[in-house]
Amino acid sequence: MNTIDIILAILLALGLIRGIWRGLIIELGTLLAFVLGIYGAMYFSFYAADALKQYVSWNAQTTKVVAYVLTLMAVMFAVMFLAKLLTKVAKMVALGFVNRALGGIFGMLKVIVILGASLSFFDKTAHLWLSQEEIKKSVLFQPVKDIGNFVYAKVLNSLSETDFNHVKKNTPL
């Protein structure tokens, strides 16, 4: 085990601990809030912009951006509120331990995906900071990078099959 492995192990442990602390429902809720918030803002912020125009006299672009942010925040808040409510229900029916255990696993997997994507970029510039020998000696570097690349590729493939024409028309950013 070298310095790279120690850093990766600490980050994975932090993901595990954070997942245990928050539980699966909150961990999934956070991810879902982010995704649904962006989706909701892309597809529905024009409603908020129309309503906002009645109360402010900003230029059109500013109104669109503020409406986008407000819609994003509203959707994220609603999803997180629901996640917190579901967590309380899980505790009431004695599923708190299961929620926390699965949250730990999910938290660590989330960190693996983020680290994997980061390591893919880092691998292309690693020669500036680290020797190839250090990277080859690392136990965690390649497996974490491979998992991140796998998930990243799956997400990009699913996104490339999506029609974003509506999004391009209605997104102010």
C-alpha atoms as a PDB file:
ATOM      1  CA  MET A   1       0.000   0.000   0.000  1.00  0.00           C
ATOM      2  CA  ASN A   2       1.374   3.384  -0.973  1.00  0.00           C
ATOM      3  CA  THR A   3       0.322   7.018  -0.553  1.00  0.00           C
ATOM      4  CA  ILE A   4      -2.218   6.811  -3.379  1.00  0.00           C
ATOM      5  CA  ASP A   5      -3.901   3.846  -1.695  1.00  0.00           C
ATOM      6  CA  ILE A   6      -3.985   5.582   1.672  1.00  0.00           C
ATOM      7  CA  ILE A   7      -5.639   8.672   0.173  1.00  0.00           C
ATOM      8  CA  LEU A   8      -8.159   6.568  -1.771  1.00  0.00           C
ATOM      9  CA  ALA A   9      -8.885   4.390   1.288  1.00  0.00           C
ATOM     10  CA  ILE A  10      -9.525   7.476   3.436  1.00  0.00           C
ATOM     11  CA  LEU A  11     -11.905   8.904   0.829  1.00  0.00           C
ATOM     12  CA  LEU A  12     -13.722   5.565   0.506  1.00  0.00           C
ATOM     13  CA  ALA A  13     -13.998   5.306   4.292  1.00  0.00           C
ATOM     14  CA  LEU A  14     -15.430   8.823   4.441  1.00  0.00           C
ATOM     15  CA  GLY A  15     -18.023   7.837   1.826  1.00  0.00           C
ATOM     16  CA  LEU A  16     -18.897   4.746   3.860  1.00  0.00           C
ATOM     17  CA  ILE A  17     -19.189   6.706   7.117  1.00  0.00           C
ATOM     18  CA  ARG A  18     -21.226   9.472   5.507  1.00  0.00           C
ATOM     19  CA  GLY A  19     -23.534   6.875   3.951  1.00  0.00           C
ATOM     20  CA  ILE A  20     -24.020   5.129   7.291  1.00  0.00           C
ATOM     21  CA  TRP A  21     -24.653   8.450   9.006  1.00  0.00           C
ATOM     22  CA  ARG A  22     -27.224   9.620   6.462  1.00  0.00           C
ATOM     23  CA  GLY A  23     -28.767   6.297   5.405  1.00  0.00           C
ATOM     24  CA  LEU A  24     -29.710   4.964   1.991  1.00  0.00           C
ATOM     25  CA  ILE A  25     -32.906   6.959   1.675  1.00  0.00           C
ATOM     26  CA  ILE A  26     -31.156  10.302   2.212  1.00  0.00           C
ATOM     27  CA  GLU A  27     -28.191   9.280   0.030  1.00  0.00           C
ATOM     28  CA  LEU A  28     -30.504   8.288  -2.819  1.00  0.00           C
ATOM     29  CA  GLY A  29     -32.664  11.319  -2.131  1.00  0.00           C
ATOM     30  CA  THR A  30     -29.685  13.623  -2.522  1.00  0.00           C
ATOM     31  CA  LEU A  31     -28.739  12.104  -5.852  1.00  0.00           C
ATOM     32  CA  LEU A  32     -32.348  12.017  -7.017  1.00  0.00           C
ATOM     33  CA  ALA A  33     -32.905  15.612  -5.874  1.00  0.00           C
ATOM     34  CA  PHE A  34     -29.958  16.758  -7.955  1.00  0.00           C
ATOM     35  CA  VAL A  35     -31.030  14.848 -11.078  1.00  0.00           C
ATOM     36  CA  LEU A  36     -34.738  15.683 -10.797  1.00  0.00           C
ATOM     37  CA  GLY A  37     -33.895  19.279  -9.892  1.00  0.00           C
ATOM     38  CA  ILE A  38     -31.930  19.749 -13.094  1.00  0.00           C
ATOM     39  CA  TYR A  39     -34.563  17.917 -15.127  1.00  0.00           C
ATOM     40  CA  GLY A  40     -37.379  19.930 -13.582  1.00  0.00           C
ATOM     41  CA  ALA A  41     -35.541  23.198 -14.083  1.00  0.00           C
ATOM     42  CA  MET A  42     -34.805  22.389 -17.733  1.00  0.00           C
ATOM     43  CA  TYR A  43     -38.364  21.435 -18.568  1.00  0.00           C
ATOM     44  CA  PHE A  44     -40.477  23.590 -16.231  1.00  0.00           C
ATOM     45  CA  SER A  45     -38.568  26.780 -15.396  1.00  0.00           C
ATOM     46  CA  PHE A  46     -40.400  28.661 -18.144  1.00  0.00           C
ATOM     47  CA  TYR A  47     -43.560  28.431 -15.986  1.00  0.00           C
ATOM     48  CA  ALA A  48     -41.700  30.086 -13.137  1.00  0.00           C
ATOM     49  CA  ALA A  49     -40.305  32.684 -15.561  1.00  0.00           C
ATOM     50  CA  ASP A  50     -43.820  33.571 -16.728  1.00  0.00           C
ATOM     51  CA  ALA A  51     -44.992  33.951 -13.135  1.00  0.00           C
ATOM     52  CA  LEU A  52     -41.880  35.932 -12.188  1.00  0.00           C
ATOM     53  CA  LYS A  53     -42.365  38.411 -15.054  1.00  0.00           C
ATOM     54  CA  GLN A  54     -45.545  39.628 -13.373  1.00  0.00           C
ATOM     55  CA  TYR A  55     -43.636  40.764 -10.277  1.00  0.00           C
ATOM     56  CA  VAL A  56     -40.254  41.984 -11.549  1.00  0.00           C
ATOM     57  CA  SER A  57     -39.045  44.159 -14.392  1.00  0.00           C
ATOM     58  CA  TRP A  58     -35.760  42.409 -15.142  1.00  0.00           C
ATOM     59  CA  ASN A  59     -34.501  41.679 -18.625  1.00  0.00           C
ATOM     60  CA  ALA A  60     -35.599  38.364 -20.140  1.00  0.00           C
ATOM     61  CA  GLN A  61     -32.301  36.531 -19.625  1.00  0.00           C
ATOM     62  CA  THR A  62     -32.085  37.459 -15.934  1.00  0.00           C
ATOM     63  CA  THR A  63     -35.680  36.356 -15.402  1.00  0.00           C
ATOM     64  CA  LYS A  64     -34.969  33.008 -17.090  1.00  0.00           C
ATOM     65  CA  VAL A  65     -31.862  32.381 -14.988  1.00  0.00           C
ATOM     66  CA  VAL A  66     -33.604  33.283 -11.719  1.00  0.00           C
ATOM     67  CA  ALA A  67     -36.589  31.109 -12.686  1.00  0.00           C
ATOM     68  CA  TYR A  68     -34.230  28.232 -13.509  1.00  0.00           C
ATOM     69  CA  VAL A  69     -32.481  28.496 -10.132  1.00  0.00           C
ATOM     70  CA  LEU A  70     -35.769  28.833  -8.229  1.00  0.00           C
ATOM     71  CA  THR A  71     -37.248  25.804 -10.002  1.00  0.00           C
ATOM     72  CA  LEU A  72     -34.089  23.794  -9.362  1.00  0.00           C
ATOM     73  CA  MET A  73     -34.153  24.683  -5.668  1.00  0.00           C
ATOM     74  CA  ALA A  74     -37.889  23.999  -5.309  1.00  0.00           C
ATOM     75  CA  VAL A  75     -37.640  20.535  -6.852  1.00  0.00           C
ATOM     76  CA  MET A  76     -34.541  19.677  -4.816  1.00  0.00           C
ATOM     77  CA  PHE A  77     -36.217  20.857  -1.607  1.00  0.00           C
ATOM     78  CA  ALA A  78     -39.348  18.799  -2.336  1.00  0.00           C
ATOM     79  CA  VAL A  79     -37.366  15.622  -3.046  1.00  0.00           C
ATOM     80  CA  MET A  80     -35.197  16.052   0.058  1.00  0.00           C
ATOM     81  CA  PHE A  81     -38.288  16.688   2.196  1.00  0.00           C
ATOM     82  CA  LEU A  82     -39.786  13.449   0.891  1.00  0.00           C
ATOM     83  CA  ALA A  83     -36.523  11.582   1.569  1.00  0.00           C
ATOM     84  CA  LYS A  84     -36.444  12.838   5.166  1.00  0.00           C
ATOM     85  CA  LEU A  85     -40.075  11.821   5.615  1.00  0.00           C
ATOM     86  CA  LEU A  86     -39.365   8.333   4.238  1.00  0.00           C
ATOM     87  CA  THR A  87     -36.361   8.033   6.575  1.00  0.00           C
ATOM     88  CA  LYS A  88     -38.601   8.747   9.557  1.00  0.00           C
ATOM     89  CA  VAL A  89     -41.078   6.126   8.337  1.00  0.00           C
ATOM     90  CA  ALA A  90     -38.232   3.607   7.956  1.00  0.00           C
ATOM     91  CA  LYS A  91     -37.151   4.272  11.546  1.00  0.00           C
ATOM     92  CA  MET A  92     -40.724   3.844  12.798  1.00  0.00           C
ATOM     93  CA  VAL A  93     -41.034   0.413  11.177  1.00  0.00           C
ATOM     94  CA  ALA A  94     -37.647  -0.650  12.567  1.00  0.00           C
ATOM     95  CA  LEU A  95     -35.753  -0.448   9.272  1.00  0.00           C
ATOM     96  CA  GLY A  96     -33.299   2.169  10.509  1.00  0.00           C
ATOM     97  CA  PHE A  97     -30.394  -0.297  10.667  1.00  0.00           C
ATOM     98  CA  VAL A  98     -31.049  -1.591   7.147  1.00  0.00           C
ATOM     99  CA  ASN A  99     -31.335   1.978   5.871  1.00  0.00           C
ATOM    100  CA  ARG A 100     -27.991   2.910   7.432  1.00  0.00           C
ATOM    101  CA  ALA A 101     -26.174  -0.258   6.328  1.00  0.00           C
ATOM    102  CA  LEU A 102     -27.328   0.111   2.732  1.00  0.00           C
ATOM    103  CA  GLY A 103     -26.576   3.832   2.961  1.00  0.00           C
ATOM    104  CA  GLY A 104     -22.977   3.017   3.839  1.00  0.00           C
ATOM    105  CA  ILE A 105     -22.634   0.746   0.833  1.00  0.00           C
ATOM    106  CA  PHE A 106     -24.269   3.278  -1.477  1.00  0.00           C
ATOM    107  CA  GLY A 107     -22.163   6.129  -0.039  1.00  0.00           C
ATOM    108  CA  MET A 108     -18.983   4.209  -0.748  1.00  0.00           C
ATOM    109  CA  LEU A 109     -20.144   3.330  -4.276  1.00  0.00           C
ATOM    110  CA  LYS A 110     -20.933   6.980  -4.923  1.00  0.00           C
ATOM    111  CA  VAL A 111     -17.402   7.933  -3.872  1.00  0.00           C
ATOM    112  CA  ILE A 112     -15.970   5.174  -6.087  1.00  0.00           C
ATOM    113  CA  VAL A 113     -17.797   6.581  -9.120  1.00  0.00           C
ATOM    114  CA  ILE A 114     -16.665  10.152  -8.390  1.00  0.00           C
ATOM    115  CA  LEU A 115     -13.095   9.043  -7.711  1.00  0.00           C
ATOM    116  CA  GLY A 116     -13.104   6.817 -10.796  1.00  0.00           C
ATOM    117  CA  ALA A 117     -14.060   9.698 -13.057  1.00  0.00           C
ATOM    118  CA  SER A 118     -11.460  11.893 -11.342  1.00  0.00           C
ATOM    119  CA  LEU A 119      -8.774   9.237 -11.653  1.00  0.00           C
ATOM    120  CA  SER A 120      -9.478   8.868 -15.370  1.00  0.00           C
ATOM    121  CA  PHE A 121      -8.629  12.530 -15.804  1.00  0.00           C
ATOM    122  CA  PHE A 122      -5.761  12.289 -13.327  1.00  0.00           C
ATOM    123  CA  ASP A 123      -4.322   9.283 -15.153  1.00  0.00           C
ATOM    124  CA  LYS A 124      -3.818  11.394 -18.284  1.00  0.00           C
ATOM    125  CA  THR A 125      -1.875  14.030 -16.333  1.00  0.00           C
ATOM    126  CA  ALA A 126      -0.324  11.798 -13.654  1.00  0.00           C
ATOM    127  CA  HIS A 127       3.115  11.843 -15.237  1.00  0.00           C
ATOM    128  CA  LEU A 128       3.392  15.465 -14.077  1.00  0.00           C
ATOM    129  CA  TRP A 129       3.049  14.509 -10.389  1.00  0.00           C
ATOM    130  CA  LEU A 130       3.640  10.784  -9.973  1.00  0.00           C
ATOM    131  CA  SER A 131       5.785   8.105 -11.477  1.00  0.00           C
ATOM    132  CA  GLN A 132       4.127   5.265 -13.375  1.00  0.00           C
ATOM    133  CA  GLU A 133       5.750   2.936 -10.858  1.00  0.00           C
ATOM    134  CA  GLU A 134       3.764   4.522  -7.987  1.00  0.00           C
ATOM    135  CA  ILE A 135       0.534   4.126  -9.920  1.00  0.00           C
ATOM    136  CA  LYS A 136       1.315   0.502 -10.820  1.00  0.00           C
ATOM    137  CA  LYS A 137       2.106  -0.314  -7.173  1.00  0.00           C
ATOM    138  CA  SER A 138      -1.235   1.078  -6.063  1.00  0.00           C
ATOM    139  CA  VAL A 139      -3.802  -1.549  -5.125  1.00  0.00           C
ATOM    140  CA  LEU A 140      -6.864   0.725  -5.376  1.00  0.00           C
ATOM    141  CA  PHE A 141      -6.031   3.079  -8.262  1.00  0.00           C
ATOM    142  CA  GLN A 142      -6.879   0.816 -11.218  1.00  0.00           C
ATOM    143  CA  PRO A 143     -10.011  -0.888  -9.778  1.00  0.00           C
ATOM    144  CA  VAL A 144     -11.537   2.438  -8.690  1.00  0.00           C
ATOM    145  CA  LYS A 145     -10.675   4.000 -12.056  1.00  0.00           C
ATOM    146  CA  ASP A 146     -12.192   1.047 -13.945  1.00  0.00           C
ATOM    147  CA  ILE A 147     -15.470   1.208 -11.987  1.00  0.00           C
ATOM    148  CA  GLY A 148     -15.667   4.958 -12.537  1.00  0.00           C
ATOM    149  CA  ASN A 149     -15.009   4.553 -16.273  1.00  0.00           C
ATOM    150  CA  PHE A 150     -17.680   1.845 -16.535  1.00  0.00           C
ATOM    151  CA  VAL A 151     -20.386   3.945 -14.852  1.00  0.00           C
ATOM    152  CA  TYR A 152     -19.300   7.116 -16.648  1.00  0.00           C
ATOM    153  CA  ALA A 153     -19.492   5.345 -20.034  1.00  0.00           C
ATOM    154  CA  LYS A 154     -22.962   3.956 -19.237  1.00  0.00           C
ATOM    155  CA  VAL A 155     -24.233   7.420 -18.284  1.00  0.00           C
ATOM    156  CA  LEU A 156     -22.772   9.031 -21.408  1.00  0.00           C
ATOM    157  CA  ASN A 157     -24.268   6.332 -23.631  1.00  0.00           C
ATOM    158  CA  SER A 158     -27.711   6.809 -22.107  1.00  0.00           C
ATOM    159  CA  LEU A 159     -27.412  10.587 -22.446  1.00  0.00           C
ATOM    160  CA  SER A 160     -26.347  10.365 -26.085  1.00  0.00           C
ATOM    161  CA  GLU A 161     -29.598   8.531 -26.857  1.00  0.00           C
ATOM    162  CA  THR A 162     -31.696  11.320 -25.308  1.00  0.00           C
ATOM    163  CA  ASP A 163     -33.248  14.079 -27.400  1.00  0.00           C
ATOM    164  CA  PHE A 164     -32.166  17.414 -25.920  1.00  0.00           C
ATOM    165  CA  ASN A 165     -33.817  19.746 -28.451  1.00  0.00           C
ATOM    166  CA  HIS A 166     -36.514  20.814 -25.967  1.00  0.00           C
ATOM    167  CA  VAL A 167     -33.854  21.383 -23.323  1.00  0.00           C
ATOM    168  CA  LYS A 168     -31.742  23.593 -25.592  1.00  0.00           C
ATOM    169  CA  LYS A 169     -34.734  25.817 -26.312  1.00  0.00           C
ATOM    170  CA  ASN A 170     -35.837  26.270 -22.694  1.00  0.00           C
ATOM    171  CA  THR A 171     -32.595  26.322 -20.706  1.00  0.00           C
ATOM    172  CA  PRO A 172     -31.300  29.830 -20.046  1.00  0.00           C
ATOM    173  CA  LEU A 173     -27.739  28.799 -19.319  1.00  0.00           C
END
